[in-house]
Amino acid sequence: MRWAAAALLLPALPAAAQEEPWHGVWAADPAWCAYADRIGSHDPAPVEFTAEAVRGLETACAVAEVAPDYENSFYVVTSVCTGEGTTWAQVDVLMLGEGEVMWRWTGTGEPVRLTRCAED
């Protein structure tokens, strides 16, 4: 009984960051995965998605919010991006496909099919 009362007095510990299925390095052309170590400086190169950032060619984005829809396997990722002297808000809709496929839609045009790059 005393242990239960003591547990209530302990401060809550922060939750560990959970790996989401959209985290990782993804490429529109699987051959671009060869440049995964040069994201941001090589054209072409894949894009890296983490809980904190989205990194691509000459672009760095800080993730501000993630709205998951686990039932339908998609995520709306809102970021603040900088690149080439400009800052803008970006919204990515990331839709998981079969296997190691994810579709990325930025609000215009057609979604882009991405393939997950293998981890070294």
PDB file of N, CA and C in Angstrom:
ATOM      1  N   MET A   1       0.823  -1.182   0.000  1.00  0.00           N
ATOM      2  CA  MET A   1       0.000   0.000   0.000  1.00  0.00           C
ATOM      3  C   MET A   1       0.873   1.254   0.000  1.00  0.00           C
ATOM      4  N   ARG A   2       1.943   1.246   0.835  1.00  0.00           N
ATOM      5  CA  ARG A   2       2.816   2.413   0.863  1.00  0.00           C
ATOM      6  C   ARG A   2       3.517   2.602  -0.480  1.00  0.00           C
ATOM      7  N   TRP A   3       3.841   1.500  -1.165  1.00  0.00           N
ATOM      8  CA  TRP A   3       4.504   1.612  -2.465  1.00  0.00           C
ATOM      9  C   TRP A   3       3.589   2.299  -3.472  1.00  0.00           C
ATOM     10  N   ALA A   4       2.332   1.975  -3.452  1.00  0.00           N
ATOM     11  CA  ALA A   4       1.377   2.594  -4.370  1.00  0.00           C
ATOM     12  C   ALA A   4       1.282   4.092  -4.096  1.00  0.00           C
ATOM     13  N   ALA A   5       1.249   4.478  -2.834  1.00  0.00           N
ATOM     14  CA  ALA A   5       1.183   5.895  -2.483  1.00  0.00           C
ATOM     15  C   ALA A   5       2.470   6.599  -2.894  1.00  0.00           C
ATOM     16  N   ALA A   6       3.610   5.953  -2.703  1.00  0.00           N
ATOM     17  CA  ALA A   6       4.893   6.552  -3.080  1.00  0.00           C
ATOM     18  C   ALA A   6       4.979   6.719  -4.590  1.00  0.00           C
ATOM     19  N   ALA A   7       4.455   5.770  -5.334  1.00  0.00           N
ATOM     20  CA  ALA A   7       4.485   5.847  -6.795  1.00  0.00           C
ATOM     21  C   ALA A   7       3.699   7.056  -7.289  1.00  0.00           C
ATOM     22  N   LEU A   8       2.633   7.405  -6.598  1.00  0.00           N
ATOM     23  CA  LEU A   8       1.833   8.552  -6.997  1.00  0.00           C
ATOM     24  C   LEU A   8       2.585   9.864  -6.779  1.00  0.00           C
ATOM     25  N   LEU A   9       3.524   9.881  -5.859  1.00  0.00           N
ATOM     26  CA  LEU A   9       4.269  11.089  -5.563  1.00  0.00           C
ATOM     27  C   LEU A   9       5.451  11.310  -6.503  1.00  0.00           C
ATOM     28  N   LEU A  10       5.866  10.271  -7.219  1.00  0.00           N
ATOM     29  CA  LEU A  10       6.994  10.394  -8.143  1.00  0.00           C
ATOM     30  C   LEU A  10       6.574  11.200  -9.364  1.00  0.00           C
ATOM     31  N   PRO A  11       7.452  12.049  -9.872  1.00  0.00           N
ATOM     32  CA  PRO A  11       7.107  12.781 -11.080  1.00  0.00           C
ATOM     33  C   PRO A  11       6.994  11.826 -12.266  1.00  0.00           C
ATOM     34  N   ALA A  12       6.134  12.176 -13.186  1.00  0.00           N
ATOM     35  CA  ALA A  12       5.964  11.345 -14.379  1.00  0.00           C
ATOM     36  C   ALA A  12       7.227  11.441 -15.229  1.00  0.00           C
ATOM     37  N   LEU A  13       7.663  10.314 -15.741  1.00  0.00           N
ATOM     38  CA  LEU A  13       8.831  10.277 -16.612  1.00  0.00           C
ATOM     39  C   LEU A  13       8.390  10.562 -18.036  1.00  0.00           C
ATOM     40  N   PRO A  14       9.199  11.269 -18.804  1.00  0.00           N
ATOM     41  CA  PRO A  14       8.826  11.516 -20.195  1.00  0.00           C
ATOM     42  C   PRO A  14       8.787  10.203 -20.969  1.00  0.00           C
ATOM     43  N   ALA A  15       7.852  10.117 -21.886  1.00  0.00           N
ATOM     44  CA  ALA A  15       7.740   8.909 -22.709  1.00  0.00           C
ATOM     45  C   ALA A  15       8.924   8.850 -23.662  1.00  0.00           C
ATOM     46  N   ALA A  16       9.412   7.659 -23.899  1.00  0.00           N
ATOM     47  CA  ALA A  16      10.506   7.474 -24.857  1.00  0.00           C
ATOM     48  C   ALA A  16       9.981   7.761 -26.257  1.00  0.00           C
ATOM     49  N   ALA A  17      10.810   8.354 -27.095  1.00  0.00           N
ATOM     50  CA  ALA A  17      10.409   8.638 -28.463  1.00  0.00           C
ATOM     51  C   ALA A  17      10.119   7.318 -29.169  1.00  0.00           C
ATOM     52  N   GLN A  18       8.962   7.246 -29.759  1.00  0.00           N
ATOM     53  CA  GLN A  18       8.543   6.023 -30.430  1.00  0.00           C
ATOM     54  C   GLN A  18       8.900   6.109 -31.906  1.00  0.00           C
ATOM     55  N   GLU A  19       9.507   5.075 -32.412  1.00  0.00           N
ATOM     56  CA  GLU A  19       9.832   4.999 -33.832  1.00  0.00           C
ATOM     57  C   GLU A  19       8.529   4.776 -34.601  1.00  0.00           C
ATOM     58  N   GLU A  20       8.291   5.635 -35.565  1.00  0.00           N
ATOM     59  CA  GLU A  20       7.094   5.517 -36.405  1.00  0.00           C
ATOM     60  C   GLU A  20       7.497   4.907 -37.743  1.00  0.00           C
ATOM     61  N   PRO A  21       6.570   4.252 -38.423  1.00  0.00           N
ATOM     62  CA  PRO A  21       6.933   3.589 -39.683  1.00  0.00           C
ATOM     63  C   PRO A  21       7.369   4.545 -40.789  1.00  0.00           C
ATOM     64  N   TRP A  22       7.054   5.822 -40.695  1.00  0.00           N
ATOM     65  CA  TRP A  22       7.477   6.785 -41.718  1.00  0.00           C
ATOM     66  C   TRP A  22       8.876   7.332 -41.455  1.00  0.00           C
ATOM     67  N   HIS A  23       9.442   7.048 -40.295  1.00  0.00           N
ATOM     68  CA  HIS A  23      10.813   7.482 -39.996  1.00  0.00           C
ATOM     69  C   HIS A  23      11.787   6.689 -40.858  1.00  0.00           C
ATOM     70  N   GLY A  24      12.818   7.362 -41.324  1.00  0.00           N
ATOM     71  CA  GLY A  24      13.839   6.685 -42.103  1.00  0.00           C
ATOM     72  C   GLY A  24      14.247   7.496 -43.308  1.00  0.00           C
ATOM     73  N   VAL A  25      15.012   6.873 -44.169  1.00  0.00           N
ATOM     74  CA  VAL A  25      15.496   7.504 -45.400  1.00  0.00           C
ATOM     75  C   VAL A  25      14.728   6.896 -46.557  1.00  0.00           C
ATOM     76  N   TRP A  26      14.148   7.765 -47.389  1.00  0.00           N
ATOM     77  CA  TRP A  26      13.269   7.352 -48.480  1.00  0.00           C
ATOM     78  C   TRP A  26      13.706   8.030 -49.780  1.00  0.00           C
ATOM     79  N   ALA A  27      13.532   7.344 -50.905  1.00  0.00           N
ATOM     80  CA  ALA A  27      13.954   7.901 -52.193  1.00  0.00           C
ATOM     81  C   ALA A  27      12.888   7.677 -53.258  1.00  0.00           C
ATOM     82  N   ALA A  28      12.721   8.672 -54.138  1.00  0.00           N
ATOM     83  CA  ALA A  28      11.800   8.544 -55.265  1.00  0.00           C
ATOM     84  C   ALA A  28      12.346   7.550 -56.292  1.00  0.00           C
ATOM     85  N   ASP A  29      13.648   7.430 -56.360  1.00  0.00           N
ATOM     86  CA  ASP A  29      14.319   6.449 -57.216  1.00  0.00           C
ATOM     87  C   ASP A  29      15.250   5.647 -56.303  1.00  0.00           C
ATOM     88  N   PRO A  30      15.066   4.331 -56.188  1.00  0.00           N
ATOM     89  CA  PRO A  30      15.909   3.544 -55.289  1.00  0.00           C
ATOM     90  C   PRO A  30      17.408   3.725 -55.515  1.00  0.00           C
ATOM     91  N   ALA A  31      17.831   4.092 -56.715  1.00  0.00           N
ATOM     92  CA  ALA A  31      19.257   4.320 -56.989  1.00  0.00           C
ATOM     93  C   ALA A  31      19.787   5.505 -56.173  1.00  0.00           C
ATOM     94  N   TRP A  32      18.929   6.425 -55.793  1.00  0.00           N
ATOM     95  CA  TRP A  32      19.343   7.590 -55.003  1.00  0.00           C
ATOM     96  C   TRP A  32      19.776   7.197 -53.598  1.00  0.00           C
ATOM     97  N   CYS A  33      19.397   6.016 -53.153  1.00  0.00           N
ATOM     98  CA  CYS A  33      19.793   5.559 -51.812  1.00  0.00           C
ATOM     99  C   CYS A  33      21.314   5.498 -51.673  1.00  0.00           C
ATOM    100  N   ALA A  34      22.024   5.382 -52.779  1.00  0.00           N
ATOM    101  CA  ALA A  34      23.489   5.366 -52.741  1.00  0.00           C
ATOM    102  C   ALA A  34      24.046   6.677 -52.188  1.00  0.00           C
ATOM    103  N   TYR A  35      23.236   7.739 -52.189  1.00  0.00           N
ATOM    104  CA  TYR A  35      23.675   9.054 -51.718  1.00  0.00           C
ATOM    105  C   TYR A  35      23.080   9.400 -50.347  1.00  0.00           C
ATOM    106  N   ALA A  36      22.626   8.409 -49.609  1.00  0.00           N
ATOM    107  CA  ALA A  36      21.988   8.651 -48.308  1.00  0.00           C
ATOM    108  C   ALA A  36      22.910   9.372 -47.334  1.00  0.00           C
ATOM    109  N   ASP A  37      24.212   9.183 -47.468  1.00  0.00           N
ATOM    110  CA  ASP A  37      25.153   9.858 -46.570  1.00  0.00           C
ATOM    111  C   ASP A  37      25.430  11.298 -47.006  1.00  0.00           C
ATOM    112  N   ARG A  38      24.814  11.717 -48.117  1.00  0.00           N
ATOM    113  CA  ARG A  38      25.048  13.068 -48.640  1.00  0.00           C
ATOM    114  C   ARG A  38      23.753  13.861 -48.770  1.00  0.00           C
ATOM    115  N   ILE A  39      22.743  13.514 -47.955  1.00  0.00           N
ATOM    116  CA  ILE A  39      21.465  14.229 -47.991  1.00  0.00           C
ATOM    117  C   ILE A  39      21.726  15.700 -47.717  1.00  0.00           C
ATOM    118  N   GLY A  40      21.148  16.544 -48.537  1.00  0.00           N
ATOM    119  CA  GLY A  40      21.300  17.978 -48.369  1.00  0.00           C
ATOM    120  C   GLY A  40      22.376  18.587 -49.244  1.00  0.00           C
ATOM    121  N   SER A  41      23.298  17.750 -49.742  1.00  0.00           N
ATOM    122  CA  SER A  41      24.397  18.304 -50.527  1.00  0.00           C
ATOM    123  C   SER A  41      24.570  17.659 -51.898  1.00  0.00           C
ATOM    124  N   HIS A  42      23.822  16.615 -52.194  1.00  0.00           N
ATOM    125  CA  HIS A  42      23.974  15.926 -53.478  1.00  0.00           C
ATOM    126  C   HIS A  42      22.639  15.904 -54.203  1.00  0.00           C
ATOM    127  N   ASP A  43      22.677  16.113 -55.508  1.00  0.00           N
ATOM    128  CA  ASP A  43      21.470  16.058 -56.337  1.00  0.00           C
ATOM    129  C   ASP A  43      21.684  15.005 -57.404  1.00  0.00           C
ATOM    130  N   PRO A  44      20.918  13.916 -57.374  1.00  0.00           N
ATOM    131  CA  PRO A  44      19.767  13.627 -56.513  1.00  0.00           C
ATOM    132  C   PRO A  44      20.193  12.969 -55.200  1.00  0.00           C
ATOM    133  N   ALA A  45      19.296  13.003 -54.258  1.00  0.00           N
ATOM    134  CA  ALA A  45      19.516  12.337 -52.969  1.00  0.00           C
ATOM    135  C   ALA A  45      18.157  11.986 -52.374  1.00  0.00           C
ATOM    136  N   PRO A  46      18.130  11.036 -51.463  1.00  0.00           N
ATOM    137  CA  PRO A  46      16.879  10.695 -50.794  1.00  0.00           C
ATOM    138  C   PRO A  46      16.491  11.777 -49.779  1.00  0.00           C
ATOM    139  N   VAL A  47      15.386  11.552 -49.094  1.00  0.00           N
ATOM    140  CA  VAL A  47      14.886  12.446 -48.053  1.00  0.00           C
ATOM    141  C   VAL A  47      14.869  11.665 -46.747  1.00  0.00           C
ATOM    142  N   GLU A  48      15.268  12.316 -45.659  1.00  0.00           N
ATOM    143  CA  GLU A  48      15.243  11.671 -44.344  1.00  0.00           C
ATOM    144  C   GLU A  48      14.113  12.266 -43.511  1.00  0.00           C
ATOM    145  N   PHE A  49      13.294  11.373 -42.947  1.00  0.00           N
ATOM    146  CA  PHE A  49      12.197  11.761 -42.068  1.00  0.00           C
ATOM    147  C   PHE A  49      12.475  11.220 -40.669  1.00  0.00           C
ATOM    148  N   THR A  50      12.486  12.108 -39.663  1.00  0.00           N
ATOM    149  CA  THR A  50      12.588  11.697 -38.262  1.00  0.00           C
ATOM    150  C   THR A  50      11.488  12.403 -37.485  1.00  0.00           C
ATOM    151  N   ALA A  51      11.379  12.097 -36.206  1.00  0.00           N
ATOM    152  CA  ALA A  51      10.383  12.758 -35.363  1.00  0.00           C
ATOM    153  C   ALA A  51      10.673  14.251 -35.236  1.00  0.00           C
ATOM    154  N   GLU A  52      11.940  14.643 -35.390  1.00  0.00           N
ATOM    155  CA  GLU A  52      12.348  16.033 -35.201  1.00  0.00           C
ATOM    156  C   GLU A  52      12.544  16.811 -36.489  1.00  0.00           C
ATOM    157  N   ALA A  53      12.853  16.124 -37.605  1.00  0.00           N
ATOM    158  CA  ALA A  53      13.254  16.852 -38.809  1.00  0.00           C
ATOM    159  C   ALA A  53      12.919  16.102 -40.090  1.00  0.00           C
ATOM    160  N   VAL A  54      12.839  16.891 -41.177  1.00  0.00           N
ATOM    161  CA  VAL A  54      12.757  16.372 -42.543  1.00  0.00           C
ATOM    162  C   VAL A  54      13.914  17.037 -43.276  1.00  0.00           C
ATOM    163  N   ARG A  55      14.827  16.220 -43.812  1.00  0.00           N
ATOM    164  CA  ARG A  55      15.999  16.754 -44.513  1.00  0.00           C
ATOM    165  C   ARG A  55      16.000  16.293 -45.954  1.00  0.00           C
ATOM    166  N   GLY A  56      16.190  17.259 -46.860  1.00  0.00           N
ATOM    167  CA  GLY A  56      16.270  16.951 -48.278  1.00  0.00           C
ATOM    168  C   GLY A  56      17.319  17.807 -48.942  1.00  0.00           C
ATOM    169  N   LEU A  57      17.260  17.898 -50.259  1.00  0.00           N
ATOM    170  CA  LEU A  57      18.244  18.656 -51.022  1.00  0.00           C
ATOM    171  C   LEU A  57      18.169  20.132 -50.657  1.00  0.00           C
ATOM    172  N   GLU A  58      19.233  20.653 -50.068  1.00  0.00           N
ATOM    173  CA  GLU A  58      19.359  22.056 -49.687  1.00  0.00           C
ATOM    174  C   GLU A  58      18.183  22.558 -48.860  1.00  0.00           C
ATOM    175  N   THR A  59      17.527  21.653 -48.121  1.00  0.00           N
ATOM    176  CA  THR A  59      16.374  22.012 -47.304  1.00  0.00           C
ATOM    177  C   THR A  59      16.451  21.293 -45.967  1.00  0.00           C
ATOM    178  N   ALA A  60      16.189  22.047 -44.908  1.00  0.00           N
ATOM    179  CA  ALA A  60      16.105  21.461 -43.568  1.00  0.00           C
ATOM    180  C   ALA A  60      14.799  21.927 -42.942  1.00  0.00           C
ATOM    181  N   CYS A  61      14.022  20.987 -42.436  1.00  0.00           N
ATOM    182  CA  CYS A  61      12.727  21.310 -41.845  1.00  0.00           C
ATOM    183  C   CYS A  61      12.666  20.804 -40.412  1.00  0.00           C
ATOM    184  N   ALA A  62      12.178  21.645 -39.515  1.00  0.00           N
ATOM    185  CA  ALA A  62      11.944  21.238 -38.132  1.00  0.00           C
ATOM    186  C   ALA A  62      10.487  20.821 -38.012  1.00  0.00           C
ATOM    187  N   VAL A  63      10.253  19.587 -37.586  1.00  0.00           N
ATOM    188  CA  VAL A  63       8.884  19.092 -37.449  1.00  0.00           C
ATOM    189  C   VAL A  63       8.207  19.821 -36.291  1.00  0.00           C
ATOM    190  N   ALA A  64       7.071  20.428 -36.587  1.00  0.00           N
ATOM    191  CA  ALA A  64       6.319  21.172 -35.578  1.00  0.00           C
ATOM    192  C   ALA A  64       5.164  20.343 -35.012  1.00  0.00           C
ATOM    193  N   GLU A  65       4.574  19.502 -35.867  1.00  0.00           N
ATOM    194  CA  GLU A  65       3.409  18.725 -35.431  1.00  0.00           C
ATOM    195  C   GLU A  65       3.254  17.494 -36.322  1.00  0.00           C
ATOM    196  N   VAL A  66       2.811  16.414 -35.722  1.00  0.00           N
ATOM    197  CA  VAL A  66       2.484  15.196 -36.468  1.00  0.00           C
ATOM    198  C   VAL A  66       1.082  14.776 -36.062  1.00  0.00           C
ATOM    199  N   ALA A  67       0.214  14.619 -37.051  1.00  0.00           N
ATOM    200  CA  ALA A  67      -1.152  14.159 -36.802  1.00  0.00           C
ATOM    201  C   ALA A  67      -1.304  12.787 -37.455  1.00  0.00           C
ATOM    202  N   PRO A  68      -1.212  11.716 -36.660  1.00  0.00           N
ATOM    203  CA  PRO A  68      -1.309  10.374 -37.243  1.00  0.00           C
ATOM    204  C   PRO A  68      -2.762   9.925 -37.404  1.00  0.00           C
ATOM    205  N   ASP A  69      -2.985   9.119 -38.414  1.00  0.00           N
ATOM    206  CA  ASP A  69      -4.247   8.400 -38.574  1.00  0.00           C
ATOM    207  C   ASP A  69      -3.846   6.933 -38.707  1.00  0.00           C
ATOM    208  N   TYR A  70      -3.678   6.281 -37.545  1.00  0.00           N
ATOM    209  CA  TYR A  70      -3.185   4.903 -37.530  1.00  0.00           C
ATOM    210  C   TYR A  70      -4.126   3.946 -38.241  1.00  0.00           C
ATOM    211  N   GLU A  71      -5.413   4.198 -38.161  1.00  0.00           N
ATOM    212  CA  GLU A  71      -6.391   3.301 -38.787  1.00  0.00           C
ATOM    213  C   GLU A  71      -6.222   3.259 -40.301  1.00  0.00           C
ATOM    214  N   ASN A  72      -5.913   4.417 -40.906  1.00  0.00           N
ATOM    215  CA  ASN A  72      -5.786   4.492 -42.361  1.00  0.00           C
ATOM    216  C   ASN A  72      -4.334   4.589 -42.837  1.00  0.00           C
ATOM    217  N   SER A  73      -3.377   4.427 -41.922  1.00  0.00           N
ATOM    218  CA  SER A  73      -1.950   4.379 -42.245  1.00  0.00           C
ATOM    219  C   SER A  73      -1.432   5.624 -42.951  1.00  0.00           C
ATOM    220  N   PHE A  74      -1.826   6.805 -42.457  1.00  0.00           N
ATOM    221  CA  PHE A  74      -1.208   8.015 -42.975  1.00  0.00           C
ATOM    222  C   PHE A  74      -0.926   8.985 -41.845  1.00  0.00           C
ATOM    223  N   TYR A  75      -0.028   9.936 -42.146  1.00  0.00           N
ATOM    224  CA  TYR A  75       0.440  10.909 -41.162  1.00  0.00           C
ATOM    225  C   TYR A  75       0.493  12.267 -41.841  1.00  0.00           C
ATOM    226  N   VAL A  76       0.041  13.294 -41.144  1.00  0.00           N
ATOM    227  CA  VAL A  76       0.173  14.661 -41.634  1.00  0.00           C
ATOM    228  C   VAL A  76       1.287  15.300 -40.815  1.00  0.00           C
ATOM    229  N   VAL A  77       2.391  15.623 -41.482  1.00  0.00           N
ATOM    230  CA  VAL A  77       3.580  16.163 -40.827  1.00  0.00           C
ATOM    231  C   VAL A  77       3.702  17.638 -41.209  1.00  0.00           C
ATOM    232  N   THR A  78       3.591  18.515 -40.216  1.00  0.00           N
ATOM    233  CA  THR A  78       3.720  19.953 -40.440  1.00  0.00           C
ATOM    234  C   THR A  78       5.101  20.380 -39.962  1.00  0.00           C
ATOM    235  N   SER A  79       5.822  21.091 -40.828  1.00  0.00           N
ATOM    236  CA  SER A  79       7.196  21.491 -40.529  1.00  0.00           C
ATOM    237  C   SER A  79       7.419  22.960 -40.862  1.00  0.00           C
ATOM    238  N   VAL A  80       8.457  23.518 -40.265  1.00  0.00           N
ATOM    239  CA  VAL A  80       8.955  24.840 -40.628  1.00  0.00           C
ATOM    240  C   VAL A  80      10.296  24.600 -41.311  1.00  0.00           C
ATOM    241  N   CYS A  81      10.389  25.036 -42.572  1.00  0.00           N
ATOM    242  CA  CYS A  81      11.558  24.711 -43.394  1.00  0.00           C
ATOM    243  C   CYS A  81      12.373  25.946 -43.734  1.00  0.00           C
ATOM    244  N   THR A  82      13.665  25.712 -43.958  1.00  0.00           N
ATOM    245  CA  THR A  82      14.557  26.756 -44.442  1.00  0.00           C
ATOM    246  C   THR A  82      15.419  26.173 -45.547  1.00  0.00           C
ATOM    247  N   GLY A  83      15.694  27.007 -46.510  1.00  0.00           N
ATOM    248  CA  GLY A  83      16.565  26.592 -47.598  1.00  0.00           C
ATOM    249  C   GLY A  83      16.745  27.727 -48.570  1.00  0.00           C
ATOM    250  N   GLU A  84      17.962  27.889 -49.052  1.00  0.00           N
ATOM    251  CA  GLU A  84      18.287  28.915 -50.033  1.00  0.00           C
ATOM    252  C   GLU A  84      17.803  30.298 -49.598  1.00  0.00           C
ATOM    253  N   GLY A  85      17.943  30.608 -48.296  1.00  0.00           N
ATOM    254  CA  GLY A  85      17.608  31.928 -47.769  1.00  0.00           C
ATOM    255  C   GLY A  85      16.133  32.191 -47.521  1.00  0.00           C
ATOM    256  N   THR A  86      15.310  31.161 -47.585  1.00  0.00           N
ATOM    257  CA  THR A  86      13.865  31.321 -47.413  1.00  0.00           C
ATOM    258  C   THR A  86      13.370  30.418 -46.287  1.00  0.00           C
ATOM    259  N   THR A  87      12.319  30.870 -45.591  1.00  0.00           N
ATOM    260  CA  THR A  87      11.659  30.057 -44.567  1.00  0.00           C
ATOM    261  C   THR A  87      10.193  29.910 -44.953  1.00  0.00           C
ATOM    262  N   TRP A  88       9.639  28.711 -44.801  1.00  0.00           N
ATOM    263  CA  TRP A  88       8.243  28.465 -45.151  1.00  0.00           C
ATOM    264  C   TRP A  88       7.681  27.326 -44.307  1.00  0.00           C
ATOM    265  N   ALA A  89       6.358  27.278 -44.251  1.00  0.00           N
ATOM    266  CA  ALA A  89       5.664  26.163 -43.599  1.00  0.00           C
ATOM    267  C   ALA A  89       5.414  25.099 -44.661  1.00  0.00           C
ATOM    268  N   GLN A  90       5.598  23.858 -44.282  1.00  0.00           N
ATOM    269  CA  GLN A  90       5.370  22.755 -45.218  1.00  0.00           C
ATOM    270  C   GLN A  90       4.500  21.713 -44.551  1.00  0.00           C
ATOM    271  N   VAL A  91       3.558  21.176 -45.315  1.00  0.00           N
ATOM    272  CA  VAL A  91       2.718  20.080 -44.838  1.00  0.00           C
ATOM    273  C   VAL A  91       2.930  18.901 -45.768  1.00  0.00           C
ATOM    274  N   ASP A  92       3.366  17.786 -45.196  1.00  0.00           N
ATOM    275  CA  ASP A  92       3.531  16.539 -45.940  1.00  0.00           C
ATOM    276  C   ASP A  92       2.470  15.558 -45.469  1.00  0.00           C
ATOM    277  N   VAL A  93       1.745  14.969 -46.401  1.00  0.00           N
ATOM    278  CA  VAL A  93       0.861  13.854 -46.082  1.00  0.00           C
ATOM    279  C   VAL A  93       1.625  12.607 -46.509  1.00  0.00           C
ATOM    280  N   LEU A  94       1.943  11.762 -45.531  1.00  0.00           N
ATOM    281  CA  LEU A  94       2.721  10.548 -45.772  1.00  0.00           C
ATOM    282  C   LEU A  94       1.802   9.348 -45.632  1.00  0.00           C
ATOM    283  N   MET A  95       1.643   8.611 -46.726  1.00  0.00           N
ATOM    284  CA  MET A  95       0.734   7.466 -46.764  1.00  0.00           C
ATOM    285  C   MET A  95       1.538   6.196 -46.961  1.00  0.00           C
ATOM    286  N   LEU A  96       1.412   5.264 -46.040  1.00  0.00           N
ATOM    287  CA  LEU A  96       2.170   4.017 -46.125  1.00  0.00           C
ATOM    288  C   LEU A  96       1.533   3.075 -47.120  1.00  0.00           C
ATOM    289  N   GLY A  97       2.385   2.450 -47.941  1.00  0.00           N
ATOM    290  CA  GLY A  97       1.919   1.481 -48.918  1.00  0.00           C
ATOM    291  C   GLY A  97       2.362   0.084 -48.532  1.00  0.00           C
ATOM    292  N   GLU A  98       2.283  -0.819 -49.470  1.00  0.00           N
ATOM    293  CA  GLU A  98       2.703  -2.202 -49.253  1.00  0.00           C
ATOM    294  C   GLU A  98       4.215  -2.284 -49.178  1.00  0.00           C
ATOM    295  N   GLY A  99       4.714  -3.125 -48.293  1.00  0.00           N
ATOM    296  CA  GLY A  99       6.156  -3.339 -48.192  1.00  0.00           C
ATOM    297  C   GLY A  99       6.873  -2.086 -47.733  1.00  0.00           C
ATOM    298  N   GLU A 100       7.936  -1.744 -48.407  1.00  0.00           N
ATOM    299  CA  GLU A 100       8.775  -0.595 -48.044  1.00  0.00           C
ATOM    300  C   GLU A 100       8.466   0.610 -48.930  1.00  0.00           C
ATOM    301  N   VAL A 101       7.177   0.878 -49.120  1.00  0.00           N
ATOM    302  CA  VAL A 101       6.724   1.971 -49.980  1.00  0.00           C
ATOM    303  C   VAL A 101       5.938   2.980 -49.153  1.00  0.00           C
ATOM    304  N   MET A 102       6.169   4.261 -49.450  1.00  0.00           N
ATOM    305  CA  MET A 102       5.415   5.340 -48.834  1.00  0.00           C
ATOM    306  C   MET A 102       5.143   6.384 -49.912  1.00  0.00           C
ATOM    307  N   TRP A 103       3.959   6.965 -49.864  1.00  0.00           N
ATOM    308  CA  TRP A 103       3.595   8.025 -50.792  1.00  0.00           C
ATOM    309  C   TRP A 103       3.655   9.349 -50.051  1.00  0.00           C
ATOM    310  N   ARG A 104       4.255  10.367 -50.694  1.00  0.00           N
ATOM    311  CA  ARG A 104       4.391  11.707 -50.101  1.00  0.00           C
ATOM    312  C   ARG A 104       3.624  12.695 -50.968  1.00  0.00           C
ATOM    313  N   TRP A 105       2.681  13.408 -50.330  1.00  0.00           N
ATOM    314  CA  TRP A 105       1.917  14.434 -51.032  1.00  0.00           C
ATOM    315  C   TRP A 105       2.108  15.752 -50.301  1.00  0.00           C
ATOM    316  N   THR A 106       2.495  16.789 -51.029  1.00  0.00           N
ATOM    317  CA  THR A 106       2.771  18.090 -50.419  1.00  0.00           C
ATOM    318  C   THR A 106       1.670  19.106 -50.677  1.00  0.00           C
ATOM    319  N   GLY A 107       0.533  18.657 -51.180  1.00  0.00           N
ATOM    320  CA  GLY A 107      -0.611  19.550 -51.365  1.00  0.00           C
ATOM    321  C   GLY A 107      -0.862  19.968 -52.800  1.00  0.00           C
ATOM    322  N   THR A 108       0.097  19.734 -53.682  1.00  0.00           N
ATOM    323  CA  THR A 108      -0.104  20.043 -55.099  1.00  0.00           C
ATOM    324  C   THR A 108       0.389  18.867 -55.924  1.00  0.00           C
ATOM    325  N   GLY A 109      -0.173  18.736 -57.111  1.00  0.00           N
ATOM    326  CA  GLY A 109       0.259  17.659 -57.997  1.00  0.00           C
ATOM    327  C   GLY A 109      -0.103  16.287 -57.450  1.00  0.00           C
ATOM    328  N   GLU A 110       0.548  15.296 -58.004  1.00  0.00           N
ATOM    329  CA  GLU A 110       0.311  13.915 -57.615  1.00  0.00           C
ATOM    330  C   GLU A 110       1.238  13.512 -56.467  1.00  0.00           C
ATOM    331  N   PRO A 111       0.806  12.571 -55.635  1.00  0.00           N
ATOM    332  CA  PRO A 111       1.729  12.050 -54.599  1.00  0.00           C
ATOM    333  C   PRO A 111       2.946  11.394 -55.261  1.00  0.00           C
ATOM    334  N   VAL A 112       4.079  11.477 -54.573  1.00  0.00           N
ATOM    335  CA  VAL A 112       5.319  10.888 -55.074  1.00  0.00           C
ATOM    336  C   VAL A 112       5.539   9.550 -54.350  1.00  0.00           C
ATOM    337  N   ARG A 113       5.805   8.519 -55.128  1.00  0.00           N
ATOM    338  CA  ARG A 113       6.078   7.194 -54.567  1.00  0.00           C
ATOM    339  C   ARG A 113       7.516   7.156 -54.083  1.00  0.00           C
ATOM    340  N   LEU A 114       7.702   6.807 -52.803  1.00  0.00           N
ATOM    341  CA  LEU A 114       9.032   6.690 -52.222  1.00  0.00           C
ATOM    342  C   LEU A 114       9.289   5.244 -51.800  1.00  0.00           C
ATOM    343  N   THR A 115      10.549   4.831 -51.889  1.00  0.00           N
ATOM    344  CA  THR A 115      10.971   3.520 -51.443  1.00  0.00           C
ATOM    345  C   THR A 115      11.950   3.708 -50.287  1.00  0.00           C
ATOM    346  N   ARG A 116      11.788   2.916 -49.235  1.00  0.00           N
ATOM    347  CA  ARG A 116      12.687   3.019 -48.080  1.00  0.00           C
ATOM    348  C   ARG A 116      14.085   2.541 -48.481  1.00  0.00           C
ATOM    349  N   CYS A 117      15.086   3.321 -48.096  1.00  0.00           N
ATOM    350  CA  CYS A 117      16.475   2.936 -48.321  1.00  0.00           C
ATOM    351  C   CYS A 117      16.893   1.977 -47.203  1.00  0.00           C
ATOM    352  N   ALA A 118      17.652   0.968 -47.548  1.00  0.00           N
ATOM    353  CA  ALA A 118      18.141   0.004 -46.564  1.00  0.00           C
ATOM    354  C   ALA A 118      19.086   0.707 -45.603  1.00  0.00           C
ATOM    355  N   GLU A 119      19.004   0.324 -44.329  1.00  0.00           N
ATOM    356  CA  GLU A 119      19.918   0.864 -43.321  1.00  0.00           C
ATOM    357  C   GLU A 119      21.232   0.135 -43.415  1.00  0.00           C
ATOM    358  N   ASP A 120      22.327   0.864 -43.230  1.00  0.00           N
ATOM    359  CA  ASP A 120      23.651   0.227 -43.283  1.00  0.00           C
ATOM    360  C   ASP A 120      23.979  -0.444 -41.975  1.00  0.00           C
TER     361      ASP A 120
END
